[in-house]
Amino acid sequence: MKTFAVFLCFLLSVLGADDARSADLPLPGGPVPPNNYYPVSAPINWGGVYIGLNGGYGFAQSNWSDTLGSTGNFKANGGLFGGTLGVNYAGFGDWVLLGFEGDFDWTGTKGSANNCALIGEPLGTSCTSNFDWLATFRLRAGYTWSHVLFYATAGGATGNPRLSDSNGVTQNPTAALGWTAGGGIEYLFTDSISAKIEYLYVDLGKISCPAGALCSIDNVNISDGTVSFTESLVRVGLNYKFSW
């Protein structure tokens, strides 16, 4: 028993001396910075004002209707390209980003229906919906994970409809105002340059047609026609950010 006690005391003393020597050894990778903290990379700065370019394609539907009837939904697809202006604020926490973004795009969105006689046009006449430009103004809210931003967005949308028929008549009702919502992913390559891909659903509602206009031709004295327009946009964008 006495021998075991002596051996146990010897073993504990050896372990204690080994721990003391281990504490004096340098950590791998060189000397430790003051306060025993390893250096960490600077946090990613998503805050700032940015400008950019965007482009993509829209898959749209339009519908002309009045008291006589309706063309039903018909396709009106096309590409778009334009500019972006926005601001990010990342001061709510390490992962939360809020911002505001607006854009203006020239579009080639266009589509025709061949049954416009249903709304008072001559038999065999086709009618065409064409949007020359589209703008959105939206709030963005997202989650940042290092260089990646996952965001949702919603706000207003407006566009300029241009209506025409196969008889050569063209008219422009007042600009349409509606709403948009969607989401996307953005990647920050440097503190200034980022790229994104996003989806937006745009609903410009029902655009009222003046009395006697192409989409309200059944009664030249009453404005009873409307044109509806909805679109699914898939866009990519490249932004340059001025950090703060």
C-alpha atoms as a PDB file:
ATOM      1  CA  MET A   1       0.000   0.000   0.000  1.00  0.00           C
ATOM      2  CA  LYS A   2       2.844   2.341   0.851  1.00  0.00           C
ATOM      3  CA  THR A   3       4.494   1.522  -2.485  1.00  0.00           C
ATOM      4  CA  PHE A   4       1.285   2.350  -4.410  1.00  0.00           C
ATOM      5  CA  ALA A   5       0.992   5.688  -2.609  1.00  0.00           C
ATOM      6  CA  VAL A   6       4.563   6.584  -3.490  1.00  0.00           C
ATOM      7  CA  PHE A   7       3.986   5.613  -7.164  1.00  0.00           C
ATOM      8  CA  LEU A   8       0.788   7.666  -7.306  1.00  0.00           C
ATOM      9  CA  CYS A   9       2.554  10.736  -5.915  1.00  0.00           C
ATOM     10  CA  PHE A  10       5.358  10.271  -8.445  1.00  0.00           C
ATOM     11  CA  LEU A  11       2.890   9.939 -11.341  1.00  0.00           C
ATOM     12  CA  LEU A  12       0.996  13.069 -10.336  1.00  0.00           C
ATOM     13  CA  SER A  13       4.211  15.050 -10.072  1.00  0.00           C
ATOM     14  CA  VAL A  14       5.283  13.942 -13.560  1.00  0.00           C
ATOM     15  CA  LEU A  15       1.918  14.904 -15.059  1.00  0.00           C
ATOM     16  CA  GLY A  16       2.080  18.262 -13.338  1.00  0.00           C
ATOM     17  CA  ALA A  17       5.551  18.950 -14.687  1.00  0.00           C
ATOM     18  CA  ASP A  18       4.448  17.920 -18.193  1.00  0.00           C
ATOM     19  CA  ASP A  19       1.491  20.325 -18.076  1.00  0.00           C
ATOM     20  CA  ALA A  20       3.833  23.093 -16.987  1.00  0.00           C
ATOM     21  CA  ARG A  21       6.166  22.441 -19.898  1.00  0.00           C
ATOM     22  CA  SER A  22       3.205  22.281 -22.331  1.00  0.00           C
ATOM     23  CA  ALA A  23       2.014  25.659 -21.175  1.00  0.00           C
ATOM     24  CA  ASP A  24       5.374  27.156 -22.166  1.00  0.00           C
ATOM     25  CA  LEU A  25       5.334  25.736 -25.717  1.00  0.00           C
ATOM     26  CA  PRO A  26       4.410  28.155 -28.553  1.00  0.00           C
ATOM     27  CA  LEU A  27       1.121  27.523 -30.349  1.00  0.00           C
ATOM     28  CA  PRO A  28       1.265  26.316 -33.967  1.00  0.00           C
ATOM     29  CA  GLY A  29       1.600  29.080 -36.538  1.00  0.00           C
ATOM     30  CA  GLY A  30       3.881  31.403 -34.645  1.00  0.00           C
ATOM     31  CA  PRO A  31       3.452  33.653 -31.639  1.00  0.00           C
ATOM     32  CA  VAL A  32      -0.021  34.380 -30.323  1.00  0.00           C
ATOM     33  CA  PRO A  33      -1.248  37.972 -30.627  1.00  0.00           C
ATOM     34  CA  PRO A  34      -1.803  39.953 -27.419  1.00  0.00           C
ATOM     35  CA  ASN A  35      -4.604  38.752 -25.142  1.00  0.00           C
ATOM     36  CA  ASN A  36      -4.313  35.253 -26.668  1.00  0.00           C
ATOM     37  CA  TYR A  37      -6.655  36.066 -29.592  1.00  0.00           C
ATOM     38  CA  TYR A  38      -6.033  34.709 -33.070  1.00  0.00           C
ATOM     39  CA  PRO A  39      -6.376  37.292 -35.871  1.00  0.00           C
ATOM     40  CA  VAL A  40      -9.721  37.236 -37.698  1.00  0.00           C
ATOM     41  CA  SER A  41     -10.658  38.573 -41.122  1.00  0.00           C
ATOM     42  CA  ALA A  42     -12.417  41.916 -41.303  1.00  0.00           C
ATOM     43  CA  PRO A  43     -16.251  41.698 -41.376  1.00  0.00           C
ATOM     44  CA  ILE A  44     -17.968  41.968 -44.748  1.00  0.00           C
ATOM     45  CA  ASN A  45     -19.395  45.463 -45.270  1.00  0.00           C
ATOM     46  CA  TRP A  46     -22.735  45.346 -47.093  1.00  0.00           C
ATOM     47  CA  GLY A  47     -23.734  48.914 -46.190  1.00  0.00           C
ATOM     48  CA  GLY A  48     -23.664  51.745 -48.686  1.00  0.00           C
ATOM     49  CA  VAL A  49     -25.191  53.363 -51.759  1.00  0.00           C
ATOM     50  CA  TYR A  50     -24.864  51.484 -55.043  1.00  0.00           C
ATOM     51  CA  ILE A  51     -25.519  51.906 -58.737  1.00  0.00           C
ATOM     52  CA  GLY A  52     -25.657  49.193 -61.371  1.00  0.00           C
ATOM     53  CA  LEU A  53     -26.958  47.646 -64.546  1.00  0.00           C
ATOM     54  CA  ASN A  54     -29.549  44.912 -64.911  1.00  0.00           C
ATOM     55  CA  GLY A  55     -30.995  42.834 -67.724  1.00  0.00           C
ATOM     56  CA  GLY A  56     -33.181  39.820 -68.228  1.00  0.00           C
ATOM     57  CA  TYR A  57     -36.385  38.475 -69.709  1.00  0.00           C
ATOM     58  CA  GLY A  58     -40.066  38.831 -68.906  1.00  0.00           C
ATOM     59  CA  PHE A  59     -42.833  36.255 -69.310  1.00  0.00           C
ATOM     60  CA  ALA A  60     -46.027  38.314 -69.355  1.00  0.00           C
ATOM     61  CA  GLN A  61     -49.754  38.042 -69.933  1.00  0.00           C
ATOM     62  CA  SER A  62     -52.191  40.719 -71.081  1.00  0.00           C
ATOM     63  CA  ASN A  63     -55.966  40.847 -71.444  1.00  0.00           C
ATOM     64  CA  TRP A  64     -58.234  43.352 -73.224  1.00  0.00           C
ATOM     65  CA  SER A  65     -61.850  43.499 -72.039  1.00  0.00           C
ATOM     66  CA  ASP A  66     -64.969  45.677 -72.171  1.00  0.00           C
ATOM     67  CA  THR A  67     -68.741  45.267 -71.830  1.00  0.00           C
ATOM     68  CA  LEU A  68     -68.882  43.112 -74.983  1.00  0.00           C
ATOM     69  CA  GLY A  69     -66.356  40.527 -73.945  1.00  0.00           C
ATOM     70  CA  SER A  70     -62.678  39.757 -73.475  1.00  0.00           C
ATOM     71  CA  THR A  71     -59.706  38.509 -75.448  1.00  0.00           C
ATOM     72  CA  GLY A  72     -58.684  36.320 -72.533  1.00  0.00           C
ATOM     73  CA  ASN A  73     -55.070  36.202 -71.383  1.00  0.00           C
ATOM     74  CA  PHE A  74     -52.475  36.160 -74.158  1.00  0.00           C
ATOM     75  CA  LYS A  75     -48.677  36.015 -73.961  1.00  0.00           C
ATOM     76  CA  ALA A  76     -46.615  39.221 -74.175  1.00  0.00           C
ATOM     77  CA  ASN A  77     -42.963  38.317 -73.603  1.00  0.00           C
ATOM     78  CA  GLY A  78     -39.690  40.129 -74.178  1.00  0.00           C
ATOM     79  CA  GLY A  79     -36.288  41.186 -72.905  1.00  0.00           C
ATOM     80  CA  LEU A  80     -35.386  44.198 -70.793  1.00  0.00           C
ATOM     81  CA  PHE A  81     -32.302  46.196 -69.862  1.00  0.00           C
ATOM     82  CA  GLY A  82     -31.698  49.194 -67.636  1.00  0.00           C
ATOM     83  CA  GLY A  83     -30.150  50.807 -64.589  1.00  0.00           C
ATOM     84  CA  THR A  84     -30.374  50.315 -60.827  1.00  0.00           C
ATOM     85  CA  LEU A  85     -29.958  52.663 -57.854  1.00  0.00           C
ATOM     86  CA  GLY A  86     -30.161  51.534 -54.242  1.00  0.00           C
ATOM     87  CA  VAL A  87     -28.969  51.773 -50.658  1.00  0.00           C
ATOM     88  CA  ASN A  88     -28.169  49.084 -48.070  1.00  0.00           C
ATOM     89  CA  TYR A  89     -28.206  49.474 -44.295  1.00  0.00           C
ATOM     90  CA  ALA A  90     -26.575  46.674 -42.323  1.00  0.00           C
ATOM     91  CA  GLY A  91     -26.582  48.227 -38.845  1.00  0.00           C
ATOM     92  CA  PHE A  92     -29.260  46.013 -37.281  1.00  0.00           C
ATOM     93  CA  GLY A  93     -26.977  43.029 -36.610  1.00  0.00           C
ATOM     94  CA  ASP A  94     -24.310  40.826 -38.075  1.00  0.00           C
ATOM     95  CA  TRP A  95     -26.668  39.092 -40.507  1.00  0.00           C
ATOM     96  CA  VAL A  96     -29.597  41.450 -41.139  1.00  0.00           C
ATOM     97  CA  LEU A  97     -29.727  43.831 -44.093  1.00  0.00           C
ATOM     98  CA  LEU A  98     -32.436  46.316 -45.016  1.00  0.00           C
ATOM     99  CA  GLY A  99     -32.446  48.540 -48.047  1.00  0.00           C
ATOM    100  CA  PHE A 100     -34.297  50.335 -50.796  1.00  0.00           C
ATOM    101  CA  GLU A 101     -33.840  49.757 -54.519  1.00  0.00           C
ATOM    102  CA  GLY A 102     -35.236  51.319 -57.668  1.00  0.00           C
ATOM    103  CA  ASP A 103     -34.699  50.506 -61.333  1.00  0.00           C
ATOM    104  CA  PHE A 104     -35.750  51.687 -64.773  1.00  0.00           C
ATOM    105  CA  ASP A 105     -35.717  49.293 -67.744  1.00  0.00           C
ATOM    106  CA  TRP A 106     -36.391  49.637 -71.444  1.00  0.00           C
ATOM    107  CA  THR A 107     -38.381  46.580 -72.476  1.00  0.00           C
ATOM    108  CA  GLY A 108     -39.360  44.713 -75.602  1.00  0.00           C
ATOM    109  CA  THR A 109     -42.378  43.077 -73.958  1.00  0.00           C
ATOM    110  CA  LYS A 110     -44.956  42.498 -76.657  1.00  0.00           C
ATOM    111  CA  GLY A 111     -47.800  40.136 -77.501  1.00  0.00           C
ATOM    112  CA  SER A 112     -50.928  39.914 -79.653  1.00  0.00           C
ATOM    113  CA  ALA A 113     -54.407  38.432 -79.548  1.00  0.00           C
ATOM    114  CA  ASN A 114     -56.214  37.433 -82.752  1.00  0.00           C
ATOM    115  CA  ASN A 115     -59.782  37.592 -81.417  1.00  0.00           C
ATOM    116  CA  CYS A 116     -60.234  41.340 -80.930  1.00  0.00           C
ATOM    117  CA  ALA A 117     -63.617  41.214 -82.648  1.00  0.00           C
ATOM    118  CA  LEU A 118     -64.873  40.047 -79.239  1.00  0.00           C
ATOM    119  CA  ILE A 119     -64.339  43.573 -77.874  1.00  0.00           C
ATOM    120  CA  GLY A 120     -65.786  45.513 -80.815  1.00  0.00           C
ATOM    121  CA  GLU A 121     -62.916  45.506 -83.341  1.00  0.00           C
ATOM    122  CA  PRO A 122     -63.660  44.499 -86.960  1.00  0.00           C
ATOM    123  CA  LEU A 123     -63.704  40.772 -87.634  1.00  0.00           C
ATOM    124  CA  GLY A 124     -60.207  39.344 -88.120  1.00  0.00           C
ATOM    125  CA  THR A 125     -58.463  42.216 -86.307  1.00  0.00           C
ATOM    126  CA  SER A 126     -55.629  41.441 -83.929  1.00  0.00           C
ATOM    127  CA  CYS A 127     -54.639  43.675 -81.028  1.00  0.00           C
ATOM    128  CA  THR A 128     -51.211  44.074 -79.460  1.00  0.00           C
ATOM    129  CA  SER A 129     -49.971  45.019 -75.994  1.00  0.00           C
ATOM    130  CA  ASN A 130     -46.512  46.542 -75.914  1.00  0.00           C
ATOM    131  CA  PHE A 131     -44.627  48.003 -72.940  1.00  0.00           C
ATOM    132  CA  ASP A 132     -41.807  50.379 -73.811  1.00  0.00           C
ATOM    133  CA  TRP A 133     -40.473  50.751 -70.261  1.00  0.00           C
ATOM    134  CA  LEU A 134     -40.925  49.355 -66.776  1.00  0.00           C
ATOM    135  CA  ALA A 135     -39.806  50.769 -63.423  1.00  0.00           C
ATOM    136  CA  THR A 136     -39.931  49.358 -59.894  1.00  0.00           C
ATOM    137  CA  PHE A 137     -39.269  50.885 -56.457  1.00  0.00           C
ATOM    138  CA  ARG A 138     -38.908  48.335 -53.682  1.00  0.00           C
ATOM    139  CA  LEU A 139     -37.828  47.607 -50.129  1.00  0.00           C
ATOM    140  CA  ARG A 140     -35.294  44.810 -49.670  1.00  0.00           C
ATOM    141  CA  ALA A 141     -34.780  42.696 -46.538  1.00  0.00           C
ATOM    142  CA  GLY A 142     -32.179  39.967 -46.391  1.00  0.00           C
ATOM    143  CA  TYR A 143     -29.864  37.635 -44.553  1.00  0.00           C
ATOM    144  CA  THR A 144     -26.135  37.974 -45.164  1.00  0.00           C
ATOM    145  CA  TRP A 145     -23.815  34.997 -44.891  1.00  0.00           C
ATOM    146  CA  SER A 146     -20.275  36.270 -45.452  1.00  0.00           C
ATOM    147  CA  HIS A 147     -20.175  37.368 -49.123  1.00  0.00           C
ATOM    148  CA  VAL A 148     -23.691  36.075 -49.921  1.00  0.00           C
ATOM    149  CA  LEU A 149     -26.990  37.910 -49.473  1.00  0.00           C
ATOM    150  CA  PHE A 150     -30.351  36.142 -49.600  1.00  0.00           C
ATOM    151  CA  TYR A 151     -33.154  38.711 -49.872  1.00  0.00           C
ATOM    152  CA  ALA A 152     -36.868  39.250 -50.332  1.00  0.00           C
ATOM    153  CA  THR A 153     -38.214  42.392 -51.964  1.00  0.00           C
ATOM    154  CA  ALA A 154     -41.582  44.101 -52.515  1.00  0.00           C
ATOM    155  CA  GLY A 155     -42.924  47.490 -53.543  1.00  0.00           C
ATOM    156  CA  GLY A 156     -44.478  49.393 -56.423  1.00  0.00           C
ATOM    157  CA  ALA A 157     -44.181  49.110 -60.191  1.00  0.00           C
ATOM    158  CA  THR A 158     -45.135  51.298 -63.109  1.00  0.00           C
ATOM    159  CA  GLY A 159     -44.986  50.965 -66.885  1.00  0.00           C
ATOM    160  CA  ASN A 160     -45.920  52.639 -70.139  1.00  0.00           C
ATOM    161  CA  PRO A 161     -48.454  50.631 -72.196  1.00  0.00           C
ATOM    162  CA  ARG A 162     -48.623  51.100 -75.950  1.00  0.00           C
ATOM    163  CA  LEU A 163     -51.667  49.512 -77.597  1.00  0.00           C
ATOM    164  CA  SER A 164     -52.120  48.873 -81.308  1.00  0.00           C
ATOM    165  CA  ASP A 165     -54.202  46.847 -83.741  1.00  0.00           C
ATOM    166  CA  SER A 166     -53.601  45.258 -87.123  1.00  0.00           C
ATOM    167  CA  ASN A 167     -55.389  48.161 -88.806  1.00  0.00           C
ATOM    168  CA  GLY A 168     -52.474  50.466 -87.992  1.00  0.00           C
ATOM    169  CA  VAL A 169     -54.017  52.350 -85.055  1.00  0.00           C
ATOM    170  CA  THR A 170     -51.761  52.978 -82.025  1.00  0.00           C
ATOM    171  CA  GLN A 171     -52.701  54.544 -78.694  1.00  0.00           C
ATOM    172  CA  ASN A 172     -51.009  55.156 -75.332  1.00  0.00           C
ATOM    173  CA  PRO A 173     -53.202  55.067 -72.227  1.00  0.00           C
ATOM    174  CA  THR A 174     -51.882  56.703 -69.059  1.00  0.00           C
ATOM    175  CA  ALA A 175     -48.969  54.971 -67.310  1.00  0.00           C
ATOM    176  CA  ALA A 176     -50.020  51.984 -65.253  1.00  0.00           C
ATOM    177  CA  LEU A 177     -49.258  51.712 -61.521  1.00  0.00           C
ATOM    178  CA  GLY A 178     -49.188  48.403 -59.677  1.00  0.00           C
ATOM    179  CA  TRP A 179     -47.098  46.272 -57.345  1.00  0.00           C
ATOM    180  CA  THR A 180     -44.209  43.822 -57.452  1.00  0.00           C
ATOM    181  CA  ALA A 181     -42.665  41.211 -55.145  1.00  0.00           C
ATOM    182  CA  GLY A 182     -39.917  38.609 -55.380  1.00  0.00           C
ATOM    183  CA  GLY A 183     -36.504  37.625 -54.131  1.00  0.00           C
ATOM    184  CA  GLY A 184     -32.934  36.948 -55.124  1.00  0.00           C
ATOM    185  CA  ILE A 185     -29.337  36.115 -54.285  1.00  0.00           C
ATOM    186  CA  GLU A 186     -26.459  38.605 -54.413  1.00  0.00           C
ATOM    187  CA  TYR A 187     -22.726  37.921 -54.104  1.00  0.00           C
ATOM    188  CA  LEU A 188     -20.176  40.528 -52.992  1.00  0.00           C
ATOM    189  CA  PHE A 189     -16.921  39.899 -54.881  1.00  0.00           C
ATOM    190  CA  THR A 190     -15.102  42.863 -53.323  1.00  0.00           C
ATOM    191  CA  ASP A 191     -16.109  45.631 -50.947  1.00  0.00           C
ATOM    192  CA  SER A 192     -17.492  47.492 -53.983  1.00  0.00           C
ATOM    193  CA  ILE A 193     -18.578  45.028 -56.690  1.00  0.00           C
ATOM    194  CA  SER A 194     -21.473  42.574 -56.460  1.00  0.00           C
ATOM    195  CA  ALA A 195     -23.613  40.516 -58.815  1.00  0.00           C
ATOM    196  CA  LYS A 196     -27.161  39.264 -58.360  1.00  0.00           C
ATOM    197  CA  ILE A 197     -29.867  37.114 -59.855  1.00  0.00           C
ATOM    198  CA  GLU A 198     -33.482  37.765 -58.950  1.00  0.00           C
ATOM    199  CA  TYR A 199     -37.107  36.963 -59.703  1.00  0.00           C
ATOM    200  CA  LEU A 200     -39.883  39.563 -59.639  1.00  0.00           C
ATOM    201  CA  TYR A 201     -43.609  39.174 -60.148  1.00  0.00           C
ATOM    202  CA  VAL A 202     -45.156  42.382 -61.515  1.00  0.00           C
ATOM    203  CA  ASP A 203     -48.887  43.168 -61.551  1.00  0.00           C
ATOM    204  CA  LEU A 204     -49.858  46.466 -63.166  1.00  0.00           C
ATOM    205  CA  GLY A 205     -53.548  45.859 -62.554  1.00  0.00           C
ATOM    206  CA  LYS A 206     -56.269  46.958 -64.948  1.00  0.00           C
ATOM    207  CA  ILE A 207     -55.419  49.960 -67.096  1.00  0.00           C
ATOM    208  CA  SER A 208     -58.504  52.056 -67.925  1.00  0.00           C
ATOM    209  CA  CYS A 209     -59.039  52.852 -71.577  1.00  0.00           C
ATOM    210  CA  PRO A 210     -60.447  56.240 -72.666  1.00  0.00           C
ATOM    211  CA  ALA A 211     -63.798  56.270 -74.430  1.00  0.00           C
ATOM    212  CA  GLY A 212     -63.403  55.404 -78.110  1.00  0.00           C
ATOM    213  CA  ALA A 213     -59.888  54.051 -77.619  1.00  0.00           C
ATOM    214  CA  LEU A 214     -58.826  50.737 -79.105  1.00  0.00           C
ATOM    215  CA  CYS A 215     -59.538  48.878 -75.879  1.00  0.00           C
ATOM    216  CA  SER A 216     -62.835  50.712 -75.308  1.00  0.00           C
ATOM    217  CA  ILE A 217     -64.158  50.951 -78.857  1.00  0.00           C
ATOM    218  CA  ASP A 218     -67.584  49.389 -78.366  1.00  0.00           C
ATOM    219  CA  ASN A 219     -69.011  52.715 -77.140  1.00  0.00           C
ATOM    220  CA  VAL A 220     -67.270  55.917 -78.179  1.00  0.00           C
ATOM    221  CA  ASN A 221     -69.011  57.847 -75.386  1.00  0.00           C
ATOM    222  CA  ILE A 222     -68.162  55.619 -72.422  1.00  0.00           C
ATOM    223  CA  SER A 223     -64.831  54.518 -70.997  1.00  0.00           C
ATOM    224  CA  ASP A 224     -65.645  50.893 -70.213  1.00  0.00           C
ATOM    225  CA  GLY A 225     -62.550  49.057 -71.465  1.00  0.00           C
ATOM    226  CA  THR A 226     -59.519  47.848 -69.552  1.00  0.00           C
ATOM    227  CA  VAL A 227     -56.199  46.183 -70.300  1.00  0.00           C
ATOM    228  CA  SER A 228     -54.529  44.018 -67.660  1.00  0.00           C
ATOM    229  CA  PHE A 229     -50.849  43.158 -67.507  1.00  0.00           C
ATOM    230  CA  THR A 230     -48.869  40.757 -65.298  1.00  0.00           C
ATOM    231  CA  GLU A 231     -45.274  39.658 -65.749  1.00  0.00           C
ATOM    232  CA  SER A 232     -42.708  37.273 -64.264  1.00  0.00           C
ATOM    233  CA  LEU A 233     -39.215  38.760 -64.543  1.00  0.00           C
ATOM    234  CA  VAL A 234     -35.918  36.901 -64.299  1.00  0.00           C
ATOM    235  CA  ARG A 235     -32.999  39.342 -64.138  1.00  0.00           C
ATOM    236  CA  VAL A 236     -29.288  39.471 -63.450  1.00  0.00           C
ATOM    237  CA  GLY A 237     -27.474  42.571 -62.286  1.00  0.00           C
ATOM    238  CA  LEU A 238     -24.029  44.011 -61.611  1.00  0.00           C
ATOM    239  CA  ASN A 239     -23.649  46.716 -58.938  1.00  0.00           C
ATOM    240  CA  TYR A 240     -20.919  49.070 -57.751  1.00  0.00           C
ATOM    241  CA  LYS A 241     -21.238  50.073 -54.077  1.00  0.00           C
ATOM    242  CA  PHE A 242     -19.946  53.183 -52.307  1.00  0.00           C
ATOM    243  CA  SER A 243     -19.385  51.931 -48.753  1.00  0.00           C
ATOM    244  CA  TRP A 244     -19.807  53.871 -45.533  1.00  0.00           C
END
